[in-house]
Protein backbone atom coordinates (compact mmCIF):
# COMPACT_ATOMS: atom_id res chain seq x y z
CA MET A 1 76.71 -78.76 65.11
CA TYR A 2 74.88 -75.43 65.27
CA GLU A 3 71.21 -75.23 64.36
CA TYR A 4 70.32 -72.24 62.19
CA ASP A 5 66.80 -70.87 62.53
CA ASP A 6 64.64 -70.08 59.49
CA GLU A 7 65.26 -66.34 59.87
CA CYS A 8 69.01 -66.91 59.70
CA LEU A 9 68.71 -69.22 56.69
CA ALA A 10 66.37 -66.83 54.83
CA THR A 11 68.73 -63.92 55.50
CA PHE A 12 71.67 -65.90 54.14
CA LEU A 13 69.69 -66.86 51.01
CA ARG A 14 68.76 -63.22 50.39
CA LYS A 15 72.22 -61.80 51.01
CA GLN A 16 74.56 -64.58 49.82
CA SER A 17 75.66 -62.47 46.86
CA GLN A 18 77.57 -60.16 49.24
CA LEU A 19 80.09 -63.00 49.68
CA PHE A 20 79.69 -65.22 46.61
CA ASP A 21 79.58 -64.38 42.89
CA GLU A 22 77.08 -67.15 42.22
CA PRO A 23 74.36 -68.58 44.48
CA VAL A 24 75.54 -71.43 46.68
CA ALA A 25 72.01 -72.32 47.85
CA GLU A 26 68.48 -71.89 46.55
CA THR A 27 66.38 -73.39 49.36
CA LEU A 28 66.42 -73.23 53.15
CA GLU A 29 67.61 -76.84 53.24
CA GLU A 30 70.49 -76.12 50.85
CA ALA A 31 71.42 -73.03 52.86
CA GLU A 32 71.48 -75.03 56.08
CA ALA A 33 73.64 -77.75 54.53
CA PHE A 34 76.05 -75.16 53.13
CA LEU A 35 76.34 -73.27 56.43
CA GLU A 36 76.95 -76.53 58.29
CA ASP A 37 79.63 -77.57 55.78
CA CYS A 38 81.55 -74.32 56.15
CA MET A 39 80.96 -74.23 59.93
CA ALA A 40 79.32 -70.80 59.89
CA VAL A 41 78.66 -69.31 63.33
CA VAL A 42 75.96 -67.07 64.76
CA LEU A 43 77.29 -64.52 67.23
CA ASP A 44 75.42 -62.24 69.61
CA SER A 45 77.19 -58.92 68.98
CA LEU A 46 79.81 -57.10 66.95
CA SER A 47 82.22 -57.44 69.86
CA ASP A 48 81.73 -61.22 69.60
CA VAL A 49 82.39 -60.98 65.84
CA ARG A 50 85.56 -59.00 66.53
CA GLU A 51 86.70 -61.58 69.10
CA TYR A 52 85.90 -64.46 66.71
CA PHE A 53 87.95 -62.89 63.90
CA ASP A 54 90.80 -62.10 66.27
CA GLU A 55 90.86 -65.67 67.63
CA ASN A 56 90.92 -67.03 64.08
CA GLY A 57 93.87 -64.90 62.99
CA MET A 58 92.08 -62.36 60.79
CA ASP A 59 93.73 -58.96 60.64
CA ILE A 60 91.01 -56.62 61.90
CA GLU A 61 93.21 -54.06 63.59
CA GLY A 62 91.96 -50.58 62.85
CA MET A 63 88.56 -51.75 61.64
CA SER A 64 85.65 -49.80 63.07
CA ASP A 65 82.42 -51.54 64.05
CA ASP A 66 80.87 -50.22 60.82
CA ASP A 67 83.76 -51.69 58.81
CA LEU A 68 83.36 -54.99 60.62
CA GLU A 69 79.61 -55.05 60.02
CA ASP A 70 80.21 -54.31 56.32
CA ALA A 71 82.69 -57.19 55.90
CA SER A 72 81.46 -59.59 53.22
CA GLU A 73 81.67 -62.53 55.65
CA VAL A 74 79.34 -60.86 58.18
CA PHE A 75 75.58 -61.07 57.72
CA SER A 76 73.44 -58.91 60.01
CA LEU A 77 70.39 -60.84 61.15
CA PRO A 78 67.01 -59.25 61.87
CA ASN A 79 67.20 -60.36 65.52
CA GLY A 80 70.35 -58.26 66.08
CA LYS A 81 72.78 -61.18 65.91
CA TYR A 82 75.41 -61.82 63.24
CA LEU A 83 76.03 -64.78 60.98
CA VAL A 84 79.71 -65.20 60.05
CA VAL A 85 80.40 -67.28 56.95
CA GLU A 86 83.96 -67.93 55.90
CA GLY A 87 83.79 -68.48 52.16
């Protein structure tokens, strides 16, 4: 099980509407439980995000780094890492 830091959880709470029509969490604890349930991952770079999507069978051929970063499943974190949530 991955441990999500408060910065990651707060970012997800703020930006969850980019992936979901309605809020799925309202507190840090709810956000952590949700991310654990859907096995969200934190990755170090966009190349790691690209590799993760490729390994999981997502069609990302032809996507630029900007396109990848703008994908609704990808949340840019303030520390330069990326949270990937498969909704």
